[in-house]
Amino acid sequence: MATIHELGRRGEELAAQYLLEKGYKILETNWRFHHNELDLIAEDSSTLVVAEVKTRQSNALGEPEMAVTREKQRAIVRSANAYVRWKHRNIEVRFDIISILIQGEQVTIHHIPDAFFAMIR
């Protein structure tokens, strides 16, 4: 059985390959901002896509995407803002979730574009 880190790494690899096959350009993987990490940063046409990848071996306790809490979303948005400033990009940003279920040899990928939005306070 894979460790949680091995499972997560495998899920991120599968998600990156999935996006590449859909025509996205992968810009960054595991980009860090302080103690936060953005799993995948990609470009889809003229949109910057920040994808949070959640990988599980079972959905008995819910679908993987349910683990992306409001708190996690806020951290992703803060990190994405830092990335855009760091790269001096003036581009639309979209937040996706890629939910991956790996059960033995069977892999199910569920891509949720616009899974959440940056909230204005």
C-alpha atoms as a PDB file:
ATOM      1  CA  MET A   1       0.000   0.000   0.000  1.00  0.00           C
ATOM      2  CA  ALA A   2       1.291   3.456  -0.912  1.00  0.00           C
ATOM      3  CA  THR A   3       2.037   6.046   1.748  1.00  0.00           C
ATOM      4  CA  ILE A   4      -0.047   9.197   1.802  1.00  0.00           C
ATOM      5  CA  HIS A   5       2.818  11.159   0.219  1.00  0.00           C
ATOM      6  CA  GLU A   6       3.314   8.576  -2.546  1.00  0.00           C
ATOM      7  CA  LEU A   7      -0.430   8.561  -3.234  1.00  0.00           C
ATOM      8  CA  GLY A   8      -0.515  12.358  -3.374  1.00  0.00           C
ATOM      9  CA  ARG A   9       2.508  12.520  -5.682  1.00  0.00           C
ATOM     10  CA  ARG A  10       0.952   9.894  -7.976  1.00  0.00           C
ATOM     11  CA  GLY A  11      -2.297  11.861  -8.063  1.00  0.00           C
ATOM     12  CA  GLU A  12      -0.474  15.070  -8.983  1.00  0.00           C
ATOM     13  CA  GLU A  13       1.358  13.275 -11.787  1.00  0.00           C
ATOM     14  CA  LEU A  14      -1.930  11.880 -13.123  1.00  0.00           C
ATOM     15  CA  ALA A  15      -3.584  15.305 -12.874  1.00  0.00           C
ATOM     16  CA  ALA A  16      -0.715  16.999 -14.743  1.00  0.00           C
ATOM     17  CA  GLN A  17      -0.867  14.362 -17.491  1.00  0.00           C
ATOM     18  CA  TYR A  18      -4.642  14.781 -17.692  1.00  0.00           C
ATOM     19  CA  LEU A  19      -4.321  18.556 -18.128  1.00  0.00           C
ATOM     20  CA  LEU A  20      -1.569  18.161 -20.742  1.00  0.00           C
ATOM     21  CA  GLU A  21      -3.798  15.793 -22.722  1.00  0.00           C
ATOM     22  CA  LYS A  22      -6.579  18.415 -22.569  1.00  0.00           C
ATOM     23  CA  GLY A  23      -4.236  21.011 -24.100  1.00  0.00           C
ATOM     24  CA  TYR A  24      -3.214  22.891 -20.966  1.00  0.00           C
ATOM     25  CA  LYS A  25       0.348  24.120 -20.528  1.00  0.00           C
ATOM     26  CA  ILE A  26       1.810  23.210 -17.123  1.00  0.00           C
ATOM     27  CA  LEU A  27       3.709  26.199 -15.714  1.00  0.00           C
ATOM     28  CA  GLU A  28       4.502  25.029 -12.178  1.00  0.00           C
ATOM     29  CA  THR A  29       4.105  22.006  -9.957  1.00  0.00           C
ATOM     30  CA  ASN A  30       4.178  22.186  -6.167  1.00  0.00           C
ATOM     31  CA  TRP A  31       4.819  25.945  -6.130  1.00  0.00           C
ATOM     32  CA  ARG A  32       5.390  27.129  -2.565  1.00  0.00           C
ATOM     33  CA  PHE A  33       4.398  30.394  -0.907  1.00  0.00           C
ATOM     34  CA  HIS A  34       5.424  30.451   2.745  1.00  0.00           C
ATOM     35  CA  HIS A  35       3.889  27.294   4.230  1.00  0.00           C
ATOM     36  CA  ASN A  36       1.285  26.879   1.457  1.00  0.00           C
ATOM     37  CA  GLU A  37       1.657  24.958  -1.772  1.00  0.00           C
ATOM     38  CA  LEU A  38      -0.150  25.167  -5.096  1.00  0.00           C
ATOM     39  CA  ASP A  39      -0.305  21.673  -6.598  1.00  0.00           C
ATOM     40  CA  LEU A  40      -0.526  22.647 -10.271  1.00  0.00           C
ATOM     41  CA  ILE A  41      -0.419  25.973 -12.066  1.00  0.00           C
ATOM     42  CA  ALA A  42      -1.342  25.753 -15.722  1.00  0.00           C
ATOM     43  CA  GLU A  43      -2.425  27.917 -18.592  1.00  0.00           C
ATOM     44  CA  ASP A  44      -5.550  27.246 -20.600  1.00  0.00           C
ATOM     45  CA  SER A  45      -5.746  29.726 -23.451  1.00  0.00           C
ATOM     46  CA  SER A  46      -5.656  33.128 -21.742  1.00  0.00           C
ATOM     47  CA  THR A  47      -6.546  31.834 -18.272  1.00  0.00           C
ATOM     48  CA  LEU A  48      -4.215  30.910 -15.446  1.00  0.00           C
ATOM     49  CA  VAL A  49      -5.540  27.719 -13.850  1.00  0.00           C
ATOM     50  CA  VAL A  50      -4.648  26.909 -10.261  1.00  0.00           C
ATOM     51  CA  ALA A  51      -5.569  23.278  -9.683  1.00  0.00           C
ATOM     52  CA  GLU A  52      -5.826  21.674  -6.272  1.00  0.00           C
ATOM     53  CA  VAL A  53      -5.376  17.903  -6.547  1.00  0.00           C
ATOM     54  CA  LYS A  54      -6.984  15.565  -4.027  1.00  0.00           C
ATOM     55  CA  THR A  55      -6.237  11.856  -4.301  1.00  0.00           C
ATOM     56  CA  ARG A  56      -7.786   9.032  -2.302  1.00  0.00           C
ATOM     57  CA  GLN A  57      -7.915   5.247  -2.421  1.00  0.00           C
ATOM     58  CA  SER A  58     -11.534   5.146  -1.303  1.00  0.00           C
ATOM     59  CA  ASN A  59     -14.514   7.444  -1.289  1.00  0.00           C
ATOM     60  CA  ALA A  60     -16.087   5.739   1.727  1.00  0.00           C
ATOM     61  CA  LEU A  61     -15.768   8.964   3.720  1.00  0.00           C
ATOM     62  CA  GLY A  62     -16.775  11.217   0.820  1.00  0.00           C
ATOM     63  CA  GLU A  63     -15.381  12.287  -2.507  1.00  0.00           C
ATOM     64  CA  PRO A  64     -11.788  13.591  -2.499  1.00  0.00           C
ATOM     65  CA  GLU A  65     -12.830  17.119  -3.493  1.00  0.00           C
ATOM     66  CA  MET A  66     -14.747  17.465  -0.227  1.00  0.00           C
ATOM     67  CA  ALA A  67     -11.371  17.891   1.506  1.00  0.00           C
ATOM     68  CA  VAL A  68     -10.941  21.343  -0.068  1.00  0.00           C
ATOM     69  CA  THR A  69     -12.368  23.365   2.802  1.00  0.00           C
ATOM     70  CA  ARG A  70     -13.052  27.117   2.873  1.00  0.00           C
ATOM     71  CA  GLU A  71      -9.843  27.568   4.834  1.00  0.00           C
ATOM     72  CA  LYS A  72      -7.894  25.633   2.186  1.00  0.00           C
ATOM     73  CA  GLN A  73      -9.568  27.696  -0.549  1.00  0.00           C
ATOM     74  CA  ARG A  74      -8.500  30.948   1.144  1.00  0.00           C
ATOM     75  CA  ALA A  75      -4.903  29.672   1.376  1.00  0.00           C
ATOM     76  CA  ILE A  76      -4.953  28.722  -2.319  1.00  0.00           C
ATOM     77  CA  VAL A  77      -6.290  32.148  -3.309  1.00  0.00           C
ATOM     78  CA  ARG A  78      -3.636  33.942  -1.197  1.00  0.00           C
ATOM     79  CA  SER A  79      -0.893  31.829  -2.770  1.00  0.00           C
ATOM     80  CA  ALA A  80      -2.275  32.358  -6.281  1.00  0.00           C
ATOM     81  CA  ASN A  81      -2.285  36.122  -5.688  1.00  0.00           C
ATOM     82  CA  ALA A  82       1.370  35.909  -4.623  1.00  0.00           C
ATOM     83  CA  TYR A  83       2.207  33.887  -7.747  1.00  0.00           C
ATOM     84  CA  VAL A  84       0.518  36.406 -10.055  1.00  0.00           C
ATOM     85  CA  ARG A  85       2.366  39.297  -8.371  1.00  0.00           C
ATOM     86  CA  TRP A  86       5.697  37.401  -8.459  1.00  0.00           C
ATOM     87  CA  LYS A  87       5.312  36.644 -12.174  1.00  0.00           C
ATOM     88  CA  HIS A  88       3.942  40.126 -12.949  1.00  0.00           C
ATOM     89  CA  ARG A  89       1.007  38.564 -14.763  1.00  0.00           C
ATOM     90  CA  ASN A  90      -2.192  40.370 -15.659  1.00  0.00           C
ATOM     91  CA  ILE A  91      -4.342  37.362 -16.427  1.00  0.00           C
ATOM     92  CA  GLU A  92      -7.672  35.866 -15.432  1.00  0.00           C
ATOM     93  CA  VAL A  93      -7.265  33.212 -12.723  1.00  0.00           C
ATOM     94  CA  ARG A  94      -9.488  30.175 -12.373  1.00  0.00           C
ATOM     95  CA  PHE A  95      -9.515  27.759  -9.437  1.00  0.00           C
ATOM     96  CA  ASP A  96     -10.109  24.102 -10.286  1.00  0.00           C
ATOM     97  CA  ILE A  97     -10.163  20.919  -8.253  1.00  0.00           C
ATOM     98  CA  ILE A  98      -8.969  17.637  -9.708  1.00  0.00           C
ATOM     99  CA  SER A  99     -10.327  14.752  -7.681  1.00  0.00           C
ATOM    100  CA  ILE A 100      -8.624  11.404  -8.203  1.00  0.00           C
ATOM    101  CA  LEU A 101      -9.724   8.030  -6.911  1.00  0.00           C
ATOM    102  CA  ILE A 102      -7.171   5.224  -7.254  1.00  0.00           C
ATOM    103  CA  GLN A 103      -8.648   1.827  -6.444  1.00  0.00           C
ATOM    104  CA  GLY A 104      -6.210  -0.891  -7.412  1.00  0.00           C
ATOM    105  CA  GLU A 105      -5.646  -0.544 -11.149  1.00  0.00           C
ATOM    106  CA  GLN A 106      -8.752   1.602 -11.651  1.00  0.00           C
ATOM    107  CA  VAL A 107      -8.202   5.380 -11.754  1.00  0.00           C
ATOM    108  CA  THR A 108     -11.088   7.848 -11.829  1.00  0.00           C
ATOM    109  CA  ILE A 109     -10.342  11.519 -12.512  1.00  0.00           C
ATOM    110  CA  HIS A 110     -12.997  14.151 -11.889  1.00  0.00           C
ATOM    111  CA  HIS A 111     -11.996  17.639 -13.050  1.00  0.00           C
ATOM    112  CA  ILE A 112     -14.058  20.468 -11.575  1.00  0.00           C
ATOM    113  CA  PRO A 113     -13.349  23.767 -13.387  1.00  0.00           C
ATOM    114  CA  ASP A 114     -14.279  26.928 -11.464  1.00  0.00           C
ATOM    115  CA  ALA A 115     -14.643  24.834  -8.318  1.00  0.00           C
ATOM    116  CA  PHE A 116     -14.463  27.965  -6.178  1.00  0.00           C
ATOM    117  CA  PHE A 117     -13.894  31.678  -6.560  1.00  0.00           C
ATOM    118  CA  ALA A 118     -11.723  34.296  -4.918  1.00  0.00           C
ATOM    119  CA  MET A 119     -13.967  36.022  -2.417  1.00  0.00           C
ATOM    120  CA  ILE A 120     -13.852  39.799  -2.056  1.00  0.00           C
ATOM    121  CA  ARG A 121     -14.180  40.901   1.559  1.00  0.00           C
END
